[in-house]
Amino acid sequence: MGIPVQALTQSMGDDPDEASPSVESNAAERDRQFAEMAERQARFMFRVAHGLLRSVPDSEDAVQEALLKLYRTDGWLRMEDERAFLARTVYRTGLDVIARRQKATDQIDADAERELVWEGHSPEQNAVDRDDRALLRILIDGLSEDFRQALVLSAIEEMTSREVAVAMGIPEGTVRTRVMRARAELKRRFEAMHVAKGERR
C-alpha cells in the first residue's frame, strides 16, 4: 500500500515565504519526524483498519484520514505508546468510515458473504470442496463482530492484548475473553464441518 506522506505534510505546511528561518527549521524537522513515523507505522495502521473494514480501498482511506488528523492536531507528538496510540486512532477512523459509507459496492460485505455461505444449503454442504484456509476465513467472517475484530487484531494482525484493548476501547481482560471464546467457537465449527465432510465421503 502507498500512503502519500509527503503530500500530507506539503499540503498542510506553512508558506515558506511568510515563515522565519527558525520557524521553517522547526516545521521541517516536525515534518521529517512525522514522515518517518508514518512510513514506519503505515503498514501496521493499514492492518488494523483492514481487520475492521475488510476492504483495501476503505482501509487505505482510513489510514490516510487518520494520518491527516494526527498531522493537523499534533497528537502524534504526545504519544507514549506509539503502536497502541496509532491503533486506537485508525480504529476510530475506521468506525467513522463504517458510519459514513452506504452499502459495499466493490466487495461483498460481511452480511452478504454470510448470506451466501450459510443460507440455502447447510454449512456443511457449502464447505465441501473448500480448503482449510478458505474455510477458516469463512468461519471467522461468521463470528460476531466483537469476537471477529478481537480475534483478527490479536491472532492475525499479531497485536498484543493491550494494543487491541486500546484500539477497541475495551478492558484488556475483555479482549482476552473475546479471543478465547472466538477460538473456541471456531474450533467447534471447524471440527463440525470436518466431521460432516468425513460422513459425506
N, C-alpha and C. Protein backbone atom coordinates (compact mmCIF):
# COMPACT_ATOMS: atom_id res chain seq x y z
N MET A 1 0.85 -1.19 0.00
CA MET A 1 0.00 0.00 0.00
C MET A 1 0.88 1.23 0.00
N GLY A 2 0.37 2.33 -0.54
CA GLY A 2 1.18 3.54 -0.56
C GLY A 2 0.40 4.71 0.02
N ILE A 3 0.90 5.24 1.12
CA ILE A 3 0.27 6.41 1.74
C ILE A 3 1.09 7.64 1.37
N PRO A 4 0.51 8.65 0.72
CA PRO A 4 1.27 9.82 0.27
C PRO A 4 1.65 10.72 1.43
N VAL A 5 2.64 10.29 2.21
CA VAL A 5 3.04 11.04 3.39
C VAL A 5 3.53 12.42 3.03
N GLN A 6 4.37 12.51 1.97
CA GLN A 6 4.92 13.81 1.58
C GLN A 6 3.80 14.77 1.17
N ALA A 7 2.81 14.25 0.50
CA ALA A 7 1.69 15.10 0.08
C ALA A 7 0.94 15.63 1.29
N LEU A 8 0.82 14.81 2.32
CA LEU A 8 0.15 15.25 3.53
C LEU A 8 0.90 16.40 4.17
N THR A 9 2.20 16.23 4.33
CA THR A 9 2.99 17.26 5.01
C THR A 9 3.06 18.52 4.16
N GLN A 10 3.20 18.39 2.84
CA GLN A 10 3.32 19.57 2.00
C GLN A 10 2.02 20.35 1.95
N SER A 11 0.89 19.64 1.92
CA SER A 11 -0.39 20.32 1.81
C SER A 11 -0.75 21.08 3.08
N MET A 12 -0.19 20.65 4.22
CA MET A 12 -0.54 21.29 5.48
C MET A 12 0.53 22.24 5.97
N GLY A 13 1.65 22.30 5.28
CA GLY A 13 2.77 23.10 5.77
C GLY A 13 2.51 24.59 5.63
N ASP A 14 3.31 25.38 6.38
CA ASP A 14 3.20 26.83 6.31
C ASP A 14 3.82 27.32 5.01
N ASP A 15 3.44 28.49 4.58
CA ASP A 15 4.03 29.12 3.41
C ASP A 15 5.44 29.56 3.75
N PRO A 16 6.48 29.02 3.07
CA PRO A 16 7.85 29.35 3.42
C PRO A 16 8.17 30.81 3.21
N ASP A 17 7.41 31.49 2.31
CA ASP A 17 7.68 32.91 2.07
C ASP A 17 7.31 33.77 3.26
N GLU A 18 6.42 33.26 4.13
CA GLU A 18 5.95 34.05 5.26
C GLU A 18 6.56 33.59 6.58
N ALA A 19 7.37 32.55 6.56
CA ALA A 19 7.92 32.00 7.79
C ALA A 19 9.34 32.44 7.99
N SER A 20 9.71 32.65 9.25
CA SER A 20 11.09 33.00 9.58
C SER A 20 11.95 31.76 9.45
N PRO A 21 13.28 31.92 9.35
CA PRO A 21 14.16 30.75 9.23
C PRO A 21 14.01 29.76 10.37
N SER A 22 13.83 30.25 11.59
CA SER A 22 13.69 29.35 12.73
C SER A 22 12.39 28.56 12.66
N VAL A 23 11.32 29.24 12.24
CA VAL A 23 10.04 28.57 12.09
C VAL A 23 10.12 27.52 10.99
N GLU A 24 10.77 27.90 9.89
CA GLU A 24 10.94 26.95 8.79
C GLU A 24 11.71 25.73 9.25
N SER A 25 12.75 25.95 10.03
CA SER A 25 13.57 24.84 10.51
C SER A 25 12.77 23.92 11.41
N ASN A 26 11.99 24.50 12.32
CA ASN A 26 11.16 23.70 13.22
C ASN A 26 10.10 22.92 12.45
N ALA A 27 9.49 23.59 11.47
CA ALA A 27 8.46 22.93 10.67
C ALA A 27 9.06 21.79 9.85
N ALA A 28 10.24 22.03 9.31
CA ALA A 28 10.90 20.99 8.51
C ALA A 28 11.24 19.78 9.37
N GLU A 29 11.70 20.03 10.59
CA GLU A 29 12.05 18.93 11.49
C GLU A 29 10.79 18.17 11.90
N ARG A 30 9.72 18.91 12.15
CA ARG A 30 8.44 18.28 12.51
C ARG A 30 7.95 17.40 11.38
N ASP A 31 8.02 17.93 10.15
CA ASP A 31 7.57 17.15 9.00
C ASP A 31 8.43 15.90 8.81
N ARG A 32 9.73 16.05 9.05
CA ARG A 32 10.61 14.90 8.90
C ARG A 32 10.26 13.82 9.91
N GLN A 33 10.02 14.21 11.16
CA GLN A 33 9.66 13.24 12.20
C GLN A 33 8.32 12.58 11.89
N PHE A 34 7.38 13.38 11.41
CA PHE A 34 6.07 12.82 11.09
C PHE A 34 6.18 11.83 9.94
N ALA A 35 6.95 12.20 8.90
CA ALA A 35 7.10 11.32 7.74
C ALA A 35 7.75 10.01 8.15
N GLU A 36 8.74 10.06 9.02
CA GLU A 36 9.39 8.84 9.49
C GLU A 36 8.43 7.97 10.27
N MET A 37 7.64 8.60 11.15
CA MET A 37 6.66 7.84 11.92
C MET A 37 5.62 7.20 11.01
N ALA A 38 5.13 7.96 10.03
CA ALA A 38 4.11 7.46 9.13
C ALA A 38 4.64 6.30 8.28
N GLU A 39 5.84 6.45 7.77
CA GLU A 39 6.44 5.38 6.97
C GLU A 39 6.66 4.13 7.82
N ARG A 40 7.02 4.34 9.06
CA ARG A 40 7.31 3.22 9.97
C ARG A 40 6.05 2.46 10.35
N GLN A 41 4.93 3.16 10.48
CA GLN A 41 3.72 2.55 11.04
C GLN A 41 2.55 2.46 10.06
N ALA A 42 2.71 2.94 8.83
CA ALA A 42 1.58 2.95 7.91
C ALA A 42 1.06 1.54 7.64
N ARG A 43 1.96 0.58 7.45
CA ARG A 43 1.51 -0.79 7.17
C ARG A 43 0.78 -1.37 8.37
N PHE A 44 1.29 -1.11 9.57
CA PHE A 44 0.62 -1.58 10.79
C PHE A 44 -0.78 -0.97 10.90
N MET A 45 -0.88 0.34 10.64
CA MET A 45 -2.18 1.01 10.71
C MET A 45 -3.14 0.44 9.67
N PHE A 46 -2.61 0.12 8.48
CA PHE A 46 -3.45 -0.48 7.45
C PHE A 46 -4.00 -1.82 7.92
N ARG A 47 -3.16 -2.63 8.55
CA ARG A 47 -3.60 -3.95 9.01
C ARG A 47 -4.70 -3.81 10.06
N VAL A 48 -4.56 -2.82 10.94
CA VAL A 48 -5.61 -2.59 11.94
C VAL A 48 -6.91 -2.18 11.25
N ALA A 49 -6.81 -1.25 10.32
CA ALA A 49 -8.00 -0.79 9.60
C ALA A 49 -8.64 -1.93 8.81
N HIS A 50 -7.82 -2.74 8.17
CA HIS A 50 -8.35 -3.82 7.35
C HIS A 50 -9.00 -4.90 8.21
N GLY A 51 -8.47 -5.10 9.43
CA GLY A 51 -9.11 -6.05 10.33
C GLY A 51 -10.52 -5.64 10.68
N LEU A 52 -10.79 -4.34 10.62
CA LEU A 52 -12.13 -3.83 10.91
C LEU A 52 -12.97 -3.72 9.64
N LEU A 53 -12.39 -3.16 8.59
CA LEU A 53 -13.16 -2.80 7.40
C LEU A 53 -13.22 -3.89 6.34
N ARG A 54 -12.20 -4.73 6.26
CA ARG A 54 -12.12 -5.81 5.27
C ARG A 54 -12.28 -5.30 3.84
N SER A 55 -11.74 -4.13 3.59
CA SER A 55 -11.76 -3.53 2.25
C SER A 55 -10.46 -2.76 2.08
N VAL A 56 -9.70 -3.08 1.04
CA VAL A 56 -8.42 -2.41 0.83
C VAL A 56 -8.61 -0.91 0.58
N PRO A 57 -9.50 -0.50 -0.33
CA PRO A 57 -9.68 0.94 -0.55
C PRO A 57 -10.13 1.68 0.72
N ASP A 58 -11.10 1.12 1.43
CA ASP A 58 -11.57 1.77 2.65
C ASP A 58 -10.47 1.83 3.70
N SER A 59 -9.67 0.79 3.80
CA SER A 59 -8.59 0.74 4.79
C SER A 59 -7.52 1.78 4.46
N GLU A 60 -7.18 1.91 3.19
CA GLU A 60 -6.20 2.93 2.79
C GLU A 60 -6.73 4.33 3.08
N ASP A 61 -8.02 4.54 2.81
CA ASP A 61 -8.63 5.84 3.11
C ASP A 61 -8.60 6.12 4.61
N ALA A 62 -8.86 5.09 5.41
CA ALA A 62 -8.87 5.27 6.86
C ALA A 62 -7.48 5.64 7.37
N VAL A 63 -6.45 4.99 6.83
CA VAL A 63 -5.08 5.30 7.26
C VAL A 63 -4.72 6.73 6.88
N GLN A 64 -5.03 7.11 5.65
CA GLN A 64 -4.70 8.47 5.21
C GLN A 64 -5.46 9.52 6.03
N GLU A 65 -6.73 9.24 6.30
CA GLU A 65 -7.52 10.18 7.11
C GLU A 65 -6.98 10.28 8.53
N ALA A 66 -6.59 9.14 9.10
CA ALA A 66 -6.05 9.13 10.46
C ALA A 66 -4.73 9.90 10.51
N LEU A 67 -3.87 9.69 9.52
CA LEU A 67 -2.59 10.41 9.48
C LEU A 67 -2.80 11.90 9.33
N LEU A 68 -3.77 12.27 8.51
CA LEU A 68 -4.04 13.69 8.31
C LEU A 68 -4.54 14.34 9.60
N LYS A 69 -5.41 13.62 10.33
CA LYS A 69 -5.89 14.14 11.61
C LYS A 69 -4.74 14.31 12.60
N LEU A 70 -3.87 13.32 12.63
CA LEU A 70 -2.72 13.39 13.53
C LEU A 70 -1.81 14.56 13.18
N TYR A 71 -1.59 14.76 11.89
CA TYR A 71 -0.72 15.85 11.44
C TYR A 71 -1.30 17.21 11.81
N ARG A 72 -2.61 17.32 11.64
CA ARG A 72 -3.25 18.61 11.91
C ARG A 72 -3.28 18.95 13.39
N THR A 73 -3.44 17.95 14.23
CA THR A 73 -3.62 18.19 15.66
C THR A 73 -2.35 18.05 16.48
N ASP A 74 -1.28 17.57 15.87
CA ASP A 74 -0.03 17.30 16.60
C ASP A 74 -0.19 16.24 17.67
N GLY A 75 -1.27 15.44 17.57
CA GLY A 75 -1.47 14.39 18.56
C GLY A 75 -0.34 13.39 18.61
N TRP A 76 0.30 13.16 17.47
CA TRP A 76 1.38 12.18 17.40
C TRP A 76 2.60 12.60 18.21
N LEU A 77 2.72 13.89 18.51
CA LEU A 77 3.86 14.36 19.31
C LEU A 77 3.71 14.01 20.78
N ARG A 78 2.51 13.60 21.20
CA ARG A 78 2.26 13.31 22.61
C ARG A 78 2.05 11.82 22.86
N MET A 79 2.47 10.99 21.93
CA MET A 79 2.28 9.55 22.08
C MET A 79 3.22 8.97 23.13
N GLU A 80 2.67 8.15 24.02
CA GLU A 80 3.50 7.42 24.98
C GLU A 80 3.77 6.01 24.47
N ASP A 81 2.77 5.38 23.91
CA ASP A 81 2.90 4.06 23.30
C ASP A 81 2.49 4.22 21.85
N GLU A 82 3.47 4.29 20.96
CA GLU A 82 3.21 4.64 19.57
C GLU A 82 2.23 3.71 18.89
N ARG A 83 2.49 2.40 18.96
CA ARG A 83 1.62 1.43 18.27
C ARG A 83 0.21 1.45 18.82
N ALA A 84 0.07 1.49 20.14
CA ALA A 84 -1.25 1.50 20.75
C ALA A 84 -2.01 2.77 20.39
N PHE A 85 -1.32 3.91 20.43
CA PHE A 85 -1.95 5.19 20.10
C PHE A 85 -2.43 5.20 18.65
N LEU A 86 -1.58 4.75 17.75
CA LEU A 86 -1.94 4.75 16.33
C LEU A 86 -3.03 3.74 16.03
N ALA A 87 -2.98 2.60 16.71
CA ALA A 87 -4.03 1.59 16.53
C ALA A 87 -5.38 2.16 16.93
N ARG A 88 -5.41 2.85 18.06
CA ARG A 88 -6.66 3.46 18.53
C ARG A 88 -7.15 4.53 17.56
N THR A 89 -6.23 5.34 17.06
CA THR A 89 -6.60 6.42 16.15
C THR A 89 -7.20 5.88 14.85
N VAL A 90 -6.52 4.91 14.24
CA VAL A 90 -7.02 4.40 12.96
C VAL A 90 -8.25 3.53 13.16
N TYR A 91 -8.37 2.88 14.31
CA TYR A 91 -9.57 2.09 14.59
C TYR A 91 -10.79 3.01 14.68
N ARG A 92 -10.64 4.12 15.39
CA ARG A 92 -11.74 5.07 15.49
C ARG A 92 -12.09 5.65 14.12
N THR A 93 -11.07 5.92 13.33
CA THR A 93 -11.31 6.43 11.98
C THR A 93 -12.04 5.39 11.15
N GLY A 94 -11.68 4.12 11.32
CA GLY A 94 -12.37 3.04 10.62
C GLY A 94 -13.84 2.98 10.99
N LEU A 95 -14.14 3.20 12.26
CA LEU A 95 -15.54 3.23 12.69
C LEU A 95 -16.29 4.38 12.02
N ASP A 96 -15.59 5.51 11.85
CA ASP A 96 -16.20 6.63 11.14
C ASP A 96 -16.48 6.27 9.68
N VAL A 97 -15.56 5.54 9.07
CA VAL A 97 -15.74 5.11 7.68
C VAL A 97 -16.98 4.23 7.57
N ILE A 98 -17.13 3.31 8.52
CA ILE A 98 -18.29 2.42 8.51
C ILE A 98 -19.58 3.22 8.65
N ALA A 99 -19.55 4.22 9.53
CA ALA A 99 -20.75 5.03 9.77
C ALA A 99 -21.11 5.84 8.54
N ARG A 100 -20.11 6.25 7.77
CA ARG A 100 -20.37 7.10 6.61
C ARG A 100 -20.78 6.33 5.37
N ARG A 101 -20.16 5.23 5.18
CA ARG A 101 -20.38 4.55 3.90
C ARG A 101 -21.77 3.91 3.83
N GLN A 102 -22.28 3.80 2.63
CA GLN A 102 -23.57 3.16 2.43
C GLN A 102 -23.32 1.67 2.24
N LYS A 103 -23.90 1.05 1.27
CA LYS A 103 -23.69 -0.36 1.05
C LYS A 103 -22.37 -0.57 0.32
N ALA A 104 -21.71 -1.68 0.62
CA ALA A 104 -20.47 -2.00 -0.08
C ALA A 104 -20.77 -2.21 -1.56
N THR A 105 -19.87 -1.69 -2.42
CA THR A 105 -20.10 -1.81 -3.86
C THR A 105 -19.07 -2.71 -4.55
N ASP A 106 -17.80 -2.54 -4.22
CA ASP A 106 -16.76 -3.28 -4.92
C ASP A 106 -16.50 -4.65 -4.32
N GLN A 107 -16.86 -4.83 -3.04
CA GLN A 107 -16.61 -6.11 -2.39
C GLN A 107 -17.86 -6.57 -1.67
N ILE A 108 -18.01 -7.86 -1.48
CA ILE A 108 -19.14 -8.41 -0.73
C ILE A 108 -18.91 -8.10 0.73
N ASP A 109 -19.86 -7.45 1.36
CA ASP A 109 -19.67 -7.12 2.76
C ASP A 109 -19.95 -8.34 3.63
N ALA A 110 -19.76 -8.18 4.91
CA ALA A 110 -19.85 -9.32 5.81
C ALA A 110 -21.23 -9.97 5.77
N ASP A 111 -22.29 -9.15 5.77
CA ASP A 111 -23.63 -9.72 5.79
C ASP A 111 -23.93 -10.50 4.52
N ALA A 112 -23.54 -9.94 3.38
CA ALA A 112 -23.80 -10.61 2.12
C ALA A 112 -23.00 -11.90 2.03
N GLU A 113 -21.77 -11.85 2.50
CA GLU A 113 -20.94 -13.05 2.44
C GLU A 113 -21.51 -14.14 3.32
N ARG A 114 -21.95 -13.75 4.52
CA ARG A 114 -22.53 -14.75 5.40
C ARG A 114 -23.81 -15.33 4.78
N GLU A 115 -24.59 -14.48 4.10
CA GLU A 115 -25.82 -14.97 3.48
C GLU A 115 -25.51 -16.00 2.39
N LEU A 116 -24.47 -15.72 1.59
CA LEU A 116 -24.09 -16.64 0.53
C LEU A 116 -23.60 -17.96 1.10
N VAL A 117 -22.90 -17.87 2.21
CA VAL A 117 -22.28 -19.07 2.78
C VAL A 117 -23.26 -19.91 3.55
N TRP A 118 -24.09 -19.24 4.39
CA TRP A 118 -24.87 -20.00 5.35
C TRP A 118 -26.29 -20.33 4.88
N GLU A 119 -26.84 -19.57 3.96
CA GLU A 119 -28.23 -19.82 3.57
C GLU A 119 -28.29 -20.84 2.43
N GLY A 120 -29.48 -21.33 2.19
CA GLY A 120 -29.67 -22.32 1.14
C GLY A 120 -29.28 -23.68 1.63
N HIS A 121 -28.14 -24.16 1.20
CA HIS A 121 -27.64 -25.44 1.68
C HIS A 121 -27.12 -25.28 3.10
N SER A 122 -26.91 -26.42 3.73
CA SER A 122 -26.38 -26.39 5.09
C SER A 122 -24.93 -25.92 5.07
N PRO A 123 -24.40 -25.42 6.20
CA PRO A 123 -22.99 -25.01 6.25
C PRO A 123 -22.06 -26.13 5.82
N GLU A 124 -22.40 -27.35 6.20
CA GLU A 124 -21.55 -28.48 5.84
C GLU A 124 -21.47 -28.65 4.32
N GLN A 125 -22.62 -28.50 3.65
CA GLN A 125 -22.64 -28.68 2.20
C GLN A 125 -21.87 -27.56 1.50
N ASN A 126 -22.00 -26.33 2.03
CA ASN A 126 -21.30 -25.21 1.42
C ASN A 126 -19.79 -25.32 1.60
N ALA A 127 -19.37 -26.02 2.66
CA ALA A 127 -17.94 -26.12 2.95
C ALA A 127 -17.25 -27.20 2.13
N VAL A 128 -18.03 -28.09 1.52
CA VAL A 128 -17.44 -29.18 0.74
C VAL A 128 -16.59 -28.59 -0.39
N ASP A 129 -15.45 -29.19 -0.60
CA ASP A 129 -14.50 -28.82 -1.66
C ASP A 129 -13.73 -27.53 -1.38
N ARG A 130 -13.93 -26.90 -0.24
CA ARG A 130 -13.12 -25.73 0.12
C ARG A 130 -11.91 -26.21 0.92
N ASP A 131 -10.77 -25.58 0.71
CA ASP A 131 -9.61 -25.97 1.51
C ASP A 131 -9.72 -25.34 2.89
N ASP A 132 -8.84 -25.77 3.78
CA ASP A 132 -8.94 -25.34 5.17
C ASP A 132 -8.78 -23.83 5.33
N ARG A 133 -7.92 -23.23 4.54
CA ARG A 133 -7.70 -21.78 4.67
C ARG A 133 -8.96 -21.01 4.30
N ALA A 134 -9.57 -21.38 3.20
CA ALA A 134 -10.79 -20.70 2.79
C ALA A 134 -11.91 -20.94 3.80
N LEU A 135 -11.97 -22.16 4.31
CA LEU A 135 -13.00 -22.49 5.29
C LEU A 135 -12.82 -21.68 6.56
N LEU A 136 -11.57 -21.54 7.00
CA LEU A 136 -11.30 -20.77 8.21
C LEU A 136 -11.71 -19.31 8.03
N ARG A 137 -11.43 -18.76 6.86
CA ARG A 137 -11.82 -17.36 6.60
C ARG A 137 -13.33 -17.20 6.67
N ILE A 138 -14.04 -18.14 6.12
CA ILE A 138 -15.50 -18.09 6.16
C ILE A 138 -16.00 -18.16 7.61
N LEU A 139 -15.39 -19.05 8.38
CA LEU A 139 -15.81 -19.20 9.77
C LEU A 139 -15.50 -17.94 10.57
N ILE A 140 -14.37 -17.32 10.32
CA ILE A 140 -14.02 -16.08 11.02
C ILE A 140 -15.02 -14.99 10.68
N ASP A 141 -15.37 -14.89 9.40
CA ASP A 141 -16.35 -13.87 8.99
C ASP A 141 -17.73 -14.14 9.57
N GLY A 142 -17.99 -15.40 9.96
CA GLY A 142 -19.27 -15.74 10.54
C GLY A 142 -19.39 -15.45 12.01
N LEU A 143 -18.28 -15.07 12.64
CA LEU A 143 -18.31 -14.73 14.07
C LEU A 143 -19.02 -13.39 14.27
N SER A 144 -19.45 -13.16 15.49
CA SER A 144 -20.00 -11.84 15.82
C SER A 144 -18.90 -10.80 15.64
N GLU A 145 -19.28 -9.56 15.38
CA GLU A 145 -18.30 -8.51 15.13
C GLU A 145 -17.33 -8.34 16.31
N ASP A 146 -17.84 -8.38 17.53
CA ASP A 146 -16.97 -8.21 18.70
C ASP A 146 -15.91 -9.30 18.75
N PHE A 147 -16.32 -10.54 18.53
CA PHE A 147 -15.39 -11.66 18.56
C PHE A 147 -14.43 -11.58 17.37
N ARG A 148 -14.98 -11.30 16.19
CA ARG A 148 -14.17 -11.28 14.98
C ARG A 148 -13.08 -10.22 15.05
N GLN A 149 -13.44 -9.01 15.46
CA GLN A 149 -12.46 -7.93 15.50
C GLN A 149 -11.35 -8.22 16.51
N ALA A 150 -11.71 -8.70 17.67
CA ALA A 150 -10.70 -9.02 18.68
C ALA A 150 -9.77 -10.12 18.19
N LEU A 151 -10.34 -11.14 17.55
CA LEU A 151 -9.52 -12.26 17.07
C LEU A 151 -8.61 -11.83 15.94
N VAL A 152 -9.15 -11.08 14.98
CA VAL A 152 -8.34 -10.65 13.83
C VAL A 152 -7.18 -9.77 14.27
N LEU A 153 -7.46 -8.81 15.13
CA LEU A 153 -6.39 -7.90 15.58
C LEU A 153 -5.35 -8.63 16.42
N SER A 154 -5.80 -9.56 17.24
CA SER A 154 -4.89 -10.25 18.14
C SER A 154 -4.13 -11.38 17.45
N ALA A 155 -4.85 -12.30 16.84
CA ALA A 155 -4.23 -13.51 16.31
C ALA A 155 -3.67 -13.32 14.90
N ILE A 156 -4.39 -12.60 14.07
CA ILE A 156 -3.98 -12.47 12.67
C ILE A 156 -3.04 -11.29 12.48
N GLU A 157 -3.37 -10.15 13.08
CA GLU A 157 -2.52 -8.97 12.95
C GLU A 157 -1.42 -8.91 14.01
N GLU A 158 -1.44 -9.88 14.94
CA GLU A 158 -0.38 -10.05 15.95
C GLU A 158 -0.19 -8.82 16.84
N MET A 159 -1.31 -8.19 17.18
CA MET A 159 -1.26 -7.11 18.16
C MET A 159 -1.35 -7.71 19.55
N THR A 160 -0.74 -7.05 20.53
CA THR A 160 -0.84 -7.54 21.90
C THR A 160 -2.24 -7.26 22.44
N SER A 161 -2.58 -7.94 23.54
CA SER A 161 -3.88 -7.72 24.16
C SER A 161 -4.05 -6.27 24.55
N ARG A 162 -2.98 -5.65 25.03
CA ARG A 162 -3.04 -4.25 25.43
C ARG A 162 -3.31 -3.35 24.23
N GLU A 163 -2.64 -3.61 23.11
CA GLU A 163 -2.84 -2.80 21.91
C GLU A 163 -4.27 -2.95 21.39
N VAL A 164 -4.78 -4.17 21.41
CA VAL A 164 -6.15 -4.40 20.96
C VAL A 164 -7.13 -3.67 21.89
N ALA A 165 -6.85 -3.74 23.18
CA ALA A 165 -7.72 -3.08 24.16
C ALA A 165 -7.76 -1.58 23.93
N VAL A 166 -6.60 -0.98 23.69
CA VAL A 166 -6.54 0.45 23.43
C VAL A 166 -7.27 0.78 22.13
N ALA A 167 -7.04 -0.03 21.10
CA ALA A 167 -7.66 0.23 19.80
C ALA A 167 -9.18 0.15 19.87
N MET A 168 -9.69 -0.88 20.57
CA MET A 168 -11.13 -1.09 20.62
C MET A 168 -11.81 -0.34 21.76
N GLY A 169 -11.01 0.22 22.66
CA GLY A 169 -11.59 0.96 23.78
C GLY A 169 -12.29 0.08 24.79
N ILE A 170 -11.74 -1.11 25.02
CA ILE A 170 -12.32 -2.05 25.99
C ILE A 170 -11.22 -2.53 26.92
N PRO A 171 -11.57 -3.11 28.08
CA PRO A 171 -10.55 -3.62 29.01
C PRO A 171 -9.74 -4.76 28.39
N GLU A 172 -8.50 -4.86 28.82
CA GLU A 172 -7.62 -5.91 28.30
C GLU A 172 -8.18 -7.29 28.61
N GLY A 173 -8.78 -7.46 29.78
CA GLY A 173 -9.37 -8.74 30.13
C GLY A 173 -10.51 -9.13 29.19
N THR A 174 -11.26 -8.13 28.74
CA THR A 174 -12.34 -8.38 27.80
C THR A 174 -11.79 -8.86 26.47
N VAL A 175 -10.66 -8.29 26.06
CA VAL A 175 -10.02 -8.73 24.82
C VAL A 175 -9.65 -10.20 24.91
N ARG A 176 -9.01 -10.59 25.99
CA ARG A 176 -8.58 -11.98 26.15
C ARG A 176 -9.79 -12.92 26.17
N THR A 177 -10.86 -12.49 26.84
CA THR A 177 -12.06 -13.32 26.89
C THR A 177 -12.68 -13.49 25.51
N ARG A 178 -12.77 -12.40 24.76
CA ARG A 178 -13.36 -12.48 23.42
C ARG A 178 -12.52 -13.35 22.49
N VAL A 179 -11.20 -13.21 22.58
CA VAL A 179 -10.33 -14.03 21.73
C VAL A 179 -10.47 -15.51 22.09
N MET A 180 -10.52 -15.79 23.39
CA MET A 180 -10.66 -17.17 23.84
C MET A 180 -11.98 -17.77 23.35
N ARG A 181 -13.06 -17.02 23.49
CA ARG A 181 -14.36 -17.52 23.06
C ARG A 181 -14.44 -17.64 21.54
N ALA A 182 -13.81 -16.70 20.84
CA ALA A 182 -13.81 -16.77 19.38
C ALA A 182 -13.07 -18.02 18.91
N ARG A 183 -11.93 -18.32 19.52
CA ARG A 183 -11.17 -19.50 19.14
C ARG A 183 -11.95 -20.78 19.45
N ALA A 184 -12.62 -20.79 20.58
CA ALA A 184 -13.41 -21.97 20.94
C ALA A 184 -14.55 -22.18 19.94
N GLU A 185 -15.20 -21.10 19.54
CA GLU A 185 -16.30 -21.20 18.58
C GLU A 185 -15.78 -21.64 17.22
N LEU A 186 -14.63 -21.10 16.81
CA LEU A 186 -14.04 -21.50 15.54
C LEU A 186 -13.69 -22.99 15.55
N LYS A 187 -13.10 -23.43 16.65
CA LYS A 187 -12.72 -24.84 16.75
C LYS A 187 -13.96 -25.73 16.65
N ARG A 188 -15.02 -25.33 17.34
CA ARG A 188 -16.26 -26.13 17.32
C ARG A 188 -16.81 -26.22 15.91
N ARG A 189 -16.90 -25.08 15.22
CA ARG A 189 -17.46 -25.07 13.87
C ARG A 189 -16.55 -25.80 12.89
N PHE A 190 -15.25 -25.59 13.04
CA PHE A 190 -14.29 -26.22 12.13
C PHE A 190 -14.36 -27.74 12.25
N GLU A 191 -14.39 -28.23 13.47
CA GLU A 191 -14.45 -29.68 13.68
C GLU A 191 -15.77 -30.25 13.19
N ALA A 192 -16.84 -29.51 13.40
CA ALA A 192 -18.16 -29.98 12.95
C ALA A 192 -18.20 -30.12 11.43
N MET A 193 -17.58 -29.17 10.74
CA MET A 193 -17.58 -29.24 9.29
C MET A 193 -16.72 -30.38 8.77
N HIS A 194 -15.60 -30.62 9.45
CA HIS A 194 -14.73 -31.71 9.02
C HIS A 194 -15.41 -33.07 9.29
N VAL A 195 -16.14 -33.15 10.38
CA VAL A 195 -16.89 -34.37 10.64
C VAL A 195 -17.92 -34.60 9.55
N ALA A 196 -18.60 -33.53 9.17
CA ALA A 196 -19.61 -33.63 8.12
C ALA A 196 -18.98 -34.04 6.79
N LYS A 197 -17.79 -33.49 6.50
CA LYS A 197 -17.10 -33.87 5.28
C LYS A 197 -16.79 -35.36 5.27
N GLY A 198 -16.32 -35.86 6.42
CA GLY A 198 -15.98 -37.28 6.51
C GLY A 198 -17.18 -38.17 6.32
N GLU A 199 -18.33 -37.74 6.82
CA GLU A 199 -19.54 -38.55 6.69
C GLU A 199 -20.05 -38.58 5.27
N ARG A 200 -19.73 -37.55 4.49
CA ARG A 200 -20.24 -37.48 3.12
C ARG A 200 -19.35 -38.24 2.13
N ARG A 201 -18.14 -38.65 2.58
CA ARG A 201 -17.24 -39.36 1.68
C ARG A 201 -17.60 -40.82 1.56
